[in-house]
Structure formats: C-alpha cells, structure tokens
C-alpha cells in the first residue's frame, strides 16, 4: 500500500474527518480512498457524466413535485 502525505486547510480537514466518522469509515484514509474510487467510477461512465452535465445545464423549471406525484398516481390507477 502506498503512503501519501497531503495538506488540507483546517476547515476541509475537519469536514473530511466528520464525513468519515458519519459514513462509518474506519479512518480518514478509508474515506479518502472511497472518494477517489467514486471519482474514478464516475469517470468510467461517460454517458452518465454527460447526462448529469446536461441536467445541470438546464433548463430549470418551476414545478410542484406533489402535483406531479398525484398525476402519476392517478394515471397509474386508470391503467
């Protein structure tokens, strides 16, 4: 296993430590390794990355989530 030494601003280090503990990781190293793996997984699926980017570009619409769910439930009951 490779050994790396990194420097982080105090607030980032505290946030990383808190996230590691909240996420049930054994230690900060395990959390950081999981972040790197997740980043690598995202890079491996260009279609997913493009779909996410497309969603972020918009257009954004103002919608009523509850109304959408009610409409879908009503349609499902009719079918």
PDB file of N, CA and C in Angstrom:
ATOM      1  N   UNK A   1       0.842  -1.169   0.000  1.00  0.00           N
ATOM      2  CA  UNK A   1       0.000   0.000   0.000  1.00  0.00           C
ATOM      3  C   UNK A   1       0.889   1.233   0.000  1.00  0.00           C
ATOM      4  N   UNK A   2       0.515   2.209  -0.826  1.00  0.00           N
ATOM      5  CA  UNK A   2       1.288   3.446  -0.912  1.00  0.00           C
ATOM      6  C   UNK A   2       0.952   4.346   0.272  1.00  0.00           C
ATOM      7  N   UNK A   3       1.911   5.141   0.661  1.00  0.00           N
ATOM      8  CA  UNK A   3       1.717   6.096   1.751  1.00  0.00           C
ATOM      9  C   UNK A   3       1.853   7.493   1.162  1.00  0.00           C
ATOM     10  N   UNK A   4       0.802   8.308   1.324  1.00  0.00           N
ATOM     11  CA  UNK A   4       0.808   9.674   0.813  1.00  0.00           C
ATOM     12  C   UNK A   4       0.647  10.638   1.975  1.00  0.00           C
ATOM     13  N   UNK A   5       1.205  11.812   1.806  1.00  0.00           N
ATOM     14  CA  UNK A   5       1.030  12.869   2.800  1.00  0.00           C
ATOM     15  C   UNK A   5       0.427  14.071   2.079  1.00  0.00           C
ATOM     16  N   UNK A   6      -0.717  14.562   2.583  1.00  0.00           N
ATOM     17  CA  UNK A   6      -1.361  15.711   1.956  1.00  0.00           C
ATOM     18  C   UNK A   6      -1.593  16.792   2.998  1.00  0.00           C
ATOM     19  N   UNK A   7      -1.701  18.009   2.536  1.00  0.00           N
ATOM     20  CA  UNK A   7      -2.031  19.133   3.408  1.00  0.00           C
ATOM     21  C   UNK A   7      -3.392  19.675   3.006  1.00  0.00           C
ATOM     22  N   UNK A   8      -4.246  19.888   3.997  1.00  0.00           N
ATOM     23  CA  UNK A   8      -5.581  20.429   3.762  1.00  0.00           C
ATOM     24  C   UNK A   8      -5.800  21.622   4.673  1.00  0.00           C
ATOM     25  N   UNK A   9      -6.588  22.585   4.236  1.00  0.00           N
ATOM     26  CA  UNK A   9      -6.957  23.660   5.151  1.00  0.00           C
ATOM     27  C   UNK A   9      -7.686  23.058   6.356  1.00  0.00           C
ATOM     28  N   UNK A  10      -7.580  23.704   7.493  1.00  0.00           N
ATOM     29  CA  UNK A  10      -8.176  23.166   8.716  1.00  0.00           C
ATOM     30  C   UNK A  10      -9.655  22.859   8.575  1.00  0.00           C
ATOM     31  N   UNK A  11     -10.402  23.748   7.923  1.00  0.00           N
ATOM     32  CA  UNK A  11     -11.844  23.516   7.797  1.00  0.00           C
ATOM     33  C   UNK A  11     -12.151  22.315   6.915  1.00  0.00           C
ATOM     34  N   UNK A  12     -11.361  22.105   5.873  1.00  0.00           N
ATOM     35  CA  UNK A  12     -11.564  20.962   4.982  1.00  0.00           C
ATOM     36  C   UNK A  12     -11.194  19.671   5.705  1.00  0.00           C
ATOM     37  N   UNK A  13     -10.113  19.696   6.463  1.00  0.00           N
ATOM     38  CA  UNK A  13      -9.703  18.521   7.221  1.00  0.00           C
ATOM     39  C   UNK A  13     -10.771  18.141   8.243  1.00  0.00           C
ATOM     40  N   UNK A  14     -11.332  19.136   8.926  1.00  0.00           N
ATOM     41  CA  UNK A  14     -12.383  18.865   9.908  1.00  0.00           C
ATOM     42  C   UNK A  14     -13.626  18.291   9.229  1.00  0.00           C
ATOM     43  N   UNK A  15     -13.990  18.845   8.081  1.00  0.00           N
ATOM     44  CA  UNK A  15     -15.135  18.338   7.339  1.00  0.00           C
ATOM     45  C   UNK A  15     -14.898  16.900   6.891  1.00  0.00           C
ATOM     46  N   UNK A  16     -13.727  16.620   6.362  1.00  0.00           N
ATOM     47  CA  UNK A  16     -13.398  15.268   5.911  1.00  0.00           C
ATOM     48  C   UNK A  16     -13.452  14.284   7.076  1.00  0.00           C
ATOM     49  N   UNK A  17     -12.917  14.661   8.206  1.00  0.00           N
ATOM     50  CA  UNK A  17     -12.932  13.790   9.383  1.00  0.00           C
ATOM     51  C   UNK A  17     -14.369  13.530   9.835  1.00  0.00           C
ATOM     52  N   UNK A  18     -15.186  14.569   9.853  1.00  0.00           N
ATOM     53  CA  UNK A  18     -16.585  14.418  10.257  1.00  0.00           C
ATOM     54  C   UNK A  18     -17.332  13.505   9.289  1.00  0.00           C
ATOM     55  N   UNK A  19     -17.098  13.678   7.991  1.00  0.00           N
ATOM     56  CA  UNK A  19     -17.770  12.838   6.990  1.00  0.00           C
ATOM     57  C   UNK A  19     -17.315  11.383   7.099  1.00  0.00           C
ATOM     58  N   UNK A  20     -16.032  11.186   7.377  1.00  0.00           N
ATOM     59  CA  UNK A  20     -15.512   9.830   7.536  1.00  0.00           C
ATOM     60  C   UNK A  20     -16.194   9.133   8.710  1.00  0.00           C
ATOM     61  N   UNK A  21     -16.309   9.836   9.821  1.00  0.00           N
ATOM     62  CA  UNK A  21     -16.955   9.247  11.005  1.00  0.00           C
ATOM     63  C   UNK A  21     -18.433   9.007  10.746  1.00  0.00           C
ATOM     64  N   UNK A  22     -19.114   9.988  10.161  1.00  0.00           N
ATOM     65  CA  UNK A  22     -20.549   9.857   9.897  1.00  0.00           C
ATOM     66  C   UNK A  22     -20.831   8.734   8.898  1.00  0.00           C
ATOM     67  N   UNK A  23     -19.902   8.519   7.977  1.00  0.00           N
ATOM     68  CA  UNK A  23     -20.079   7.489   6.959  1.00  0.00           C
ATOM     69  C   UNK A  23     -19.679   6.098   7.399  1.00  0.00           C
ATOM     70  N   UNK A  24     -19.184   5.980   8.632  1.00  0.00           N
ATOM     71  CA  UNK A  24     -18.809   4.669   9.149  1.00  0.00           C
ATOM     72  C   UNK A  24     -17.490   4.139   8.616  1.00  0.00           C
ATOM     73  N   UNK A  25     -16.647   5.029   8.121  1.00  0.00           N
ATOM     74  CA  UNK A  25     -15.339   4.593   7.625  1.00  0.00           C
ATOM     75  C   UNK A  25     -14.408   4.332   8.795  1.00  0.00           C
ATOM     76  N   UNK A  26     -13.494   3.405   8.606  1.00  0.00           N
ATOM     77  CA  UNK A  26     -12.555   3.039   9.666  1.00  0.00           C
ATOM     78  C   UNK A  26     -11.675   4.218  10.063  1.00  0.00           C
ATOM     79  N   UNK A  27     -11.309   5.010   9.079  1.00  0.00           N
ATOM     80  CA  UNK A  27     -10.475   6.183   9.343  1.00  0.00           C
ATOM     81  C   UNK A  27     -10.539   7.122   8.151  1.00  0.00           C
ATOM     82  N   UNK A  28      -9.836   8.229   8.261  1.00  0.00           N
ATOM     83  CA  UNK A  28      -9.847   9.227   7.192  1.00  0.00           C
ATOM     84  C   UNK A  28      -9.269   8.669   5.895  1.00  0.00           C
ATOM     85  N   UNK A  29      -8.269   7.827   5.991  1.00  0.00           N
ATOM     86  CA  UNK A  29      -7.676   7.231   4.790  1.00  0.00           C
ATOM     87  C   UNK A  29      -8.699   6.408   4.012  1.00  0.00           C
ATOM     88  N   UNK A  30      -9.516   5.643   4.718  1.00  0.00           N
ATOM     89  CA  UNK A  30     -10.538   4.826   4.058  1.00  0.00           C
ATOM     90  C   UNK A  30     -11.559   5.714   3.363  1.00  0.00           C
ATOM     91  N   UNK A  31     -11.926   6.817   4.006  1.00  0.00           N
ATOM     92  CA  UNK A  31     -12.876   7.757   3.407  1.00  0.00           C
ATOM     93  C   UNK A  31     -12.295   8.380   2.139  1.00  0.00           C
ATOM     94  N   UNK A  32     -11.065   8.847   2.211  1.00  0.00           N
ATOM     95  CA  UNK A  32     -10.435   9.464   1.041  1.00  0.00           C
ATOM     96  C   UNK A  32     -10.272   8.462  -0.095  1.00  0.00           C
ATOM     97  N   UNK A  33      -9.945   7.215   0.236  1.00  0.00           N
ATOM     98  CA  UNK A  33      -9.830   6.173  -0.794  1.00  0.00           C
ATOM     99  C   UNK A  33     -11.180   5.956  -1.476  1.00  0.00           C
ATOM    100  N   UNK A  34     -12.268   5.960  -0.693  1.00  0.00           N
ATOM    101  CA  UNK A  34     -13.603   5.797  -1.265  1.00  0.00           C
ATOM    102  C   UNK A  34     -13.949   6.968  -2.183  1.00  0.00           C
ATOM    103  N   UNK A  35     -13.555   8.190  -1.802  1.00  0.00           N
ATOM    104  CA  UNK A  35     -13.807   9.348  -2.660  1.00  0.00           C
ATOM    105  C   UNK A  35     -13.072   9.223  -3.993  1.00  0.00           C
ATOM    106  N   UNK A  36     -11.838   8.782  -3.940  1.00  0.00           N
ATOM    107  CA  UNK A  36     -11.054   8.633  -5.174  1.00  0.00           C
ATOM    108  C   UNK A  36     -11.674   7.546  -6.053  1.00  0.00           C
ATOM    109  N   UNK A  37     -12.092   6.434  -5.432  1.00  0.00           N
ATOM    110  CA  UNK A  37     -12.725   5.360  -6.211  1.00  0.00           C
ATOM    111  C   UNK A  37     -14.026   5.853  -6.839  1.00  0.00           C
ATOM    112  N   UNK A  38     -14.815   6.595  -6.087  1.00  0.00           N
ATOM    113  CA  UNK A  38     -16.074   7.121  -6.619  1.00  0.00           C
ATOM    114  C   UNK A  38     -15.807   8.067  -7.785  1.00  0.00           C
ATOM    115  N   UNK A  39     -14.785   8.882  -7.655  1.00  0.00           N
ATOM    116  CA  UNK A  39     -14.416   9.786  -8.733  1.00  0.00           C
ATOM    117  C   UNK A  39     -14.002   8.993  -9.965  1.00  0.00           C
ATOM    118  N   UNK A  40     -13.265   7.925  -9.762  1.00  0.00           N
ATOM    119  CA  UNK A  40     -12.824   7.087 -10.869  1.00  0.00           C
ATOM    120  C   UNK A  40     -14.018   6.393 -11.516  1.00  0.00           C
ATOM    121  N   UNK A  41     -14.965   5.917 -10.717  1.00  0.00           N
ATOM    122  CA  UNK A  41     -16.163   5.267 -11.253  1.00  0.00           C
ATOM    123  C   UNK A  41     -16.954   6.233 -12.114  1.00  0.00           C
ATOM    124  N   UNK A  42     -17.063   7.489 -11.670  1.00  0.00           N
ATOM    125  CA  UNK A  42     -17.798   8.493 -12.434  1.00  0.00           C
ATOM    126  C   UNK A  42     -17.113   8.735 -13.772  1.00  0.00           C
ATOM    127  N   UNK A  43     -15.809   8.762 -13.761  1.00  0.00           N
ATOM    128  CA  UNK A  43     -15.048   8.967 -14.990  1.00  0.00           C
ATOM    129  C   UNK A  43     -15.244   7.804 -15.961  1.00  0.00           C
ATOM    130  N   UNK A  44     -15.543   6.619 -15.452  1.00  0.00           N
ATOM    131  CA  UNK A  44     -15.647   5.431 -16.297  1.00  0.00           C
ATOM    132  C   UNK A  44     -16.945   5.374 -17.081  1.00  0.00           C
ATOM    133  N   UNK A  45     -17.934   6.187 -16.745  1.00  0.00           N
ATOM    134  CA  UNK A  45     -19.218   6.125 -17.429  1.00  0.00           C
ATOM    135  C   UNK A  45     -19.504   7.463 -18.108  1.00  0.00           C
ATOM    136  N   UNK A  46     -18.995   7.651 -19.312  1.00  0.00           N
ATOM    137  CA  UNK A  46     -19.173   8.930 -19.992  1.00  0.00           C
ATOM    138  C   UNK A  46     -20.636   9.280 -20.244  1.00  0.00           C
ATOM    139  N   UNK A  47     -21.485   8.278 -20.473  1.00  0.00           N
ATOM    140  CA  UNK A  47     -22.902   8.563 -20.725  1.00  0.00           C
ATOM    141  C   UNK A  47     -23.547   9.158 -19.479  1.00  0.00           C
ATOM    142  N   UNK A  48     -23.213   8.614 -18.309  1.00  0.00           N
ATOM    143  CA  UNK A  48     -23.747   9.149 -17.057  1.00  0.00           C
ATOM    144  C   UNK A  48     -23.229  10.560 -16.821  1.00  0.00           C
ATOM    145  N   UNK A  49     -21.947  10.764 -17.039  1.00  0.00           N
ATOM    146  CA  UNK A  49     -21.363  12.088 -16.839  1.00  0.00           C
ATOM    147  C   UNK A  49     -22.023  13.119 -17.752  1.00  0.00           C
ATOM    148  N   UNK A  50     -22.294  12.750 -19.001  1.00  0.00           N
ATOM    149  CA  UNK A  50     -22.950  13.672 -19.930  1.00  0.00           C
ATOM    150  C   UNK A  50     -24.386  13.940 -19.516  1.00  0.00           C
ATOM    151  N   UNK A  51     -25.101  12.921 -19.062  1.00  0.00           N
ATOM    152  CA  UNK A  51     -26.483  13.114 -18.610  1.00  0.00           C
ATOM    153  C   UNK A  51     -26.538  14.048 -17.407  1.00  0.00           C
ATOM    154  N   UNK A  52     -25.606  13.886 -16.484  1.00  0.00           N
ATOM    155  CA  UNK A  52     -25.553  14.774 -15.320  1.00  0.00           C
ATOM    156  C   UNK A  52     -25.242  16.208 -15.748  1.00  0.00           C
ATOM    157  N   UNK A  53     -24.292  16.350 -16.650  1.00  0.00           N
ATOM    158  CA  UNK A  53     -23.931  17.685 -17.128  1.00  0.00           C
ATOM    159  C   UNK A  53     -25.107  18.332 -17.847  1.00  0.00           C
ATOM    160  N   UNK A  54     -25.833  17.550 -18.635  1.00  0.00           N
ATOM    161  CA  UNK A  54     -26.998  18.083 -19.343  1.00  0.00           C
ATOM    162  C   UNK A  54     -28.055  18.568 -18.356  1.00  0.00           C
ATOM    163  N   UNK A  55     -28.270  17.809 -17.312  1.00  0.00           N
ATOM    164  CA  UNK A  55     -29.228  18.214 -16.294  1.00  0.00           C
ATOM    165  C   UNK A  55     -28.816  19.486 -15.586  1.00  0.00           C
ATOM    166  N   UNK A  56     -27.525  19.628 -15.328  1.00  0.00           N
ATOM    167  CA  UNK A  56     -27.026  20.831 -14.661  1.00  0.00           C
ATOM    168  C   UNK A  56     -27.132  22.066 -15.561  1.00  0.00           C
ATOM    169  N   UNK A  57     -27.051  21.870 -16.873  1.00  0.00           N
ATOM    170  CA  UNK A  57     -27.150  22.995 -17.800  1.00  0.00           C
ATOM    171  C   UNK A  57     -28.578  23.535 -17.885  1.00  0.00           C
ATOM    172  N   UNK A  58     -29.537  22.718 -17.505  1.00  0.00           N
ATOM    173  CA  UNK A  58     -30.922  23.173 -17.520  1.00  0.00           C
ATOM    174  C   UNK A  58     -31.611  22.782 -18.806  1.00  0.00           C
ATOM    175  N   UNK A  59     -32.726  23.292 -19.126  1.00  0.00           N
ATOM    176  CA  UNK A  59     -33.383  24.406 -18.441  1.00  0.00           C
ATOM    177  C   UNK A  59     -34.034  23.930 -17.142  1.00  0.00           C
ATOM    178  N   UNK A  60     -34.114  24.834 -16.208  1.00  0.00           N
ATOM    179  CA  UNK A  60     -34.737  24.537 -14.937  1.00  0.00           C
ATOM    180  C   UNK A  60     -36.179  25.010 -14.988  1.00  0.00           C
ATOM    181  N   UNK A  61     -37.052  24.190 -14.485  1.00  0.00           N
ATOM    182  CA  UNK A  61     -38.468  24.545 -14.492  1.00  0.00           C
ATOM    183  C   UNK A  61     -38.981  24.589 -13.064  1.00  0.00           C
ATOM    184  N   UNK A  62     -39.915  25.475 -12.857  1.00  0.00           N
ATOM    185  CA  UNK A  62     -40.565  25.568 -11.566  1.00  0.00           C
ATOM    186  C   UNK A  62     -41.731  24.596 -11.592  1.00  0.00           C
ATOM    187  N   UNK A  63     -41.690  23.581 -10.747  1.00  0.00           N
ATOM    188  CA  UNK A  63     -42.757  22.596 -10.770  1.00  0.00           C
ATOM    189  C   UNK A  63     -43.163  22.215  -9.353  1.00  0.00           C
ATOM    190  N   UNK A  64     -44.347  21.672  -9.258  1.00  0.00           N
ATOM    191  CA  UNK A  64     -44.902  21.235  -7.994  1.00  0.00           C
ATOM    192  C   UNK A  64     -44.726  19.723  -7.918  1.00  0.00           C
ATOM    193  N   UNK A  65     -43.772  19.280  -7.130  1.00  0.00           N
ATOM    194  CA  UNK A  65     -43.459  17.859  -7.033  1.00  0.00           C
ATOM    195  C   UNK A  65     -44.683  17.054  -6.599  1.00  0.00           C
ATOM    196  N   UNK A  66     -45.410  17.562  -5.625  1.00  0.00           N
ATOM    197  CA  UNK A  66     -46.589  16.847  -5.131  1.00  0.00           C
ATOM    198  C   UNK A  66     -47.632  16.681  -6.241  1.00  0.00           C
ATOM    199  N   UNK A  67     -47.801  17.702  -7.085  1.00  0.00           N
ATOM    200  CA  UNK A  67     -48.754  17.613  -8.190  1.00  0.00           C
ATOM    201  C   UNK A  67     -48.307  16.563  -9.211  1.00  0.00           C
ATOM    202  N   UNK A  68     -47.034  16.494  -9.459  1.00  0.00           N
ATOM    203  CA  UNK A  68     -46.502  15.501 -10.403  1.00  0.00           C
ATOM    204  C   UNK A  68     -46.765  14.102  -9.875  1.00  0.00           C
ATOM    205  N   UNK A  69     -46.502  13.872  -8.591  1.00  0.00           N
ATOM    206  CA  UNK A  69     -46.733  12.557  -7.987  1.00  0.00           C
ATOM    207  C   UNK A  69     -48.223  12.209  -8.026  1.00  0.00           C
ATOM    208  N   UNK A  70     -49.083  13.181  -7.686  1.00  0.00           N
ATOM    209  CA  UNK A  70     -50.530  12.933  -7.711  1.00  0.00           C
ATOM    210  C   UNK A  70     -50.995  12.570  -9.111  1.00  0.00           C
ATOM    211  N   UNK A  71     -50.487  13.267 -10.125  1.00  0.00           N
ATOM    212  CA  UNK A  71     -50.852  12.974 -11.510  1.00  0.00           C
ATOM    213  C   UNK A  71     -50.398  11.578 -11.913  1.00  0.00           C
ATOM    214  N   UNK A  72     -49.197  11.202 -11.528  1.00  0.00           N
ATOM    215  CA  UNK A  72     -48.683   9.874 -11.865  1.00  0.00           C
ATOM    216  C   UNK A  72     -49.504   8.792 -11.176  1.00  0.00           C
ATOM    217  N   UNK A  73     -49.876   9.019  -9.925  1.00  0.00           N
ATOM    218  CA  UNK A  73     -50.690   8.030  -9.202  1.00  0.00           C
ATOM    219  C   UNK A  73     -52.065   7.889  -9.850  1.00  0.00           C
ATOM    220  N   UNK A  74     -52.660   9.025 -10.239  1.00  0.00           N
ATOM    221  CA  UNK A  74     -53.973   8.987 -10.889  1.00  0.00           C
ATOM    222  C   UNK A  74     -53.879   8.222 -12.212  1.00  0.00           C
ATOM    223  N   UNK A  75     -52.843   8.463 -12.973  1.00  0.00           N
ATOM    224  CA  UNK A  75     -52.666   7.775 -14.250  1.00  0.00           C
ATOM    225  C   UNK A  75     -52.471   6.283 -14.026  1.00  0.00           C
ATOM    226  N   UNK A  76     -51.695   5.931 -13.006  1.00  0.00           N
ATOM    227  CA  UNK A  76     -51.438   4.521 -12.707  1.00  0.00           C
ATOM    228  C   UNK A  76     -52.736   3.817 -12.330  1.00  0.00           C
ATOM    229  N   UNK A  77     -53.600   4.495 -11.573  1.00  0.00           N
ATOM    230  CA  UNK A  77     -54.870   3.888 -11.156  1.00  0.00           C
ATOM    231  C   UNK A  77     -55.796   3.657 -12.343  1.00  0.00           C
ATOM    232  N   UNK A  78     -55.721   4.532 -13.357  1.00  0.00           N
ATOM    233  CA  UNK A  78     -56.575   4.381 -14.544  1.00  0.00           C
ATOM    234  C   UNK A  78     -56.147   3.204 -15.409  1.00  0.00           C
ATOM    235  N   UNK A  79     -54.874   2.887 -15.370  1.00  0.00           N
ATOM    236  CA  UNK A  79     -54.344   1.850 -16.283  1.00  0.00           C
ATOM    237  C   UNK A  79     -54.577   0.478 -15.772  1.00  0.00           C
TER     238      UNK A  79
END
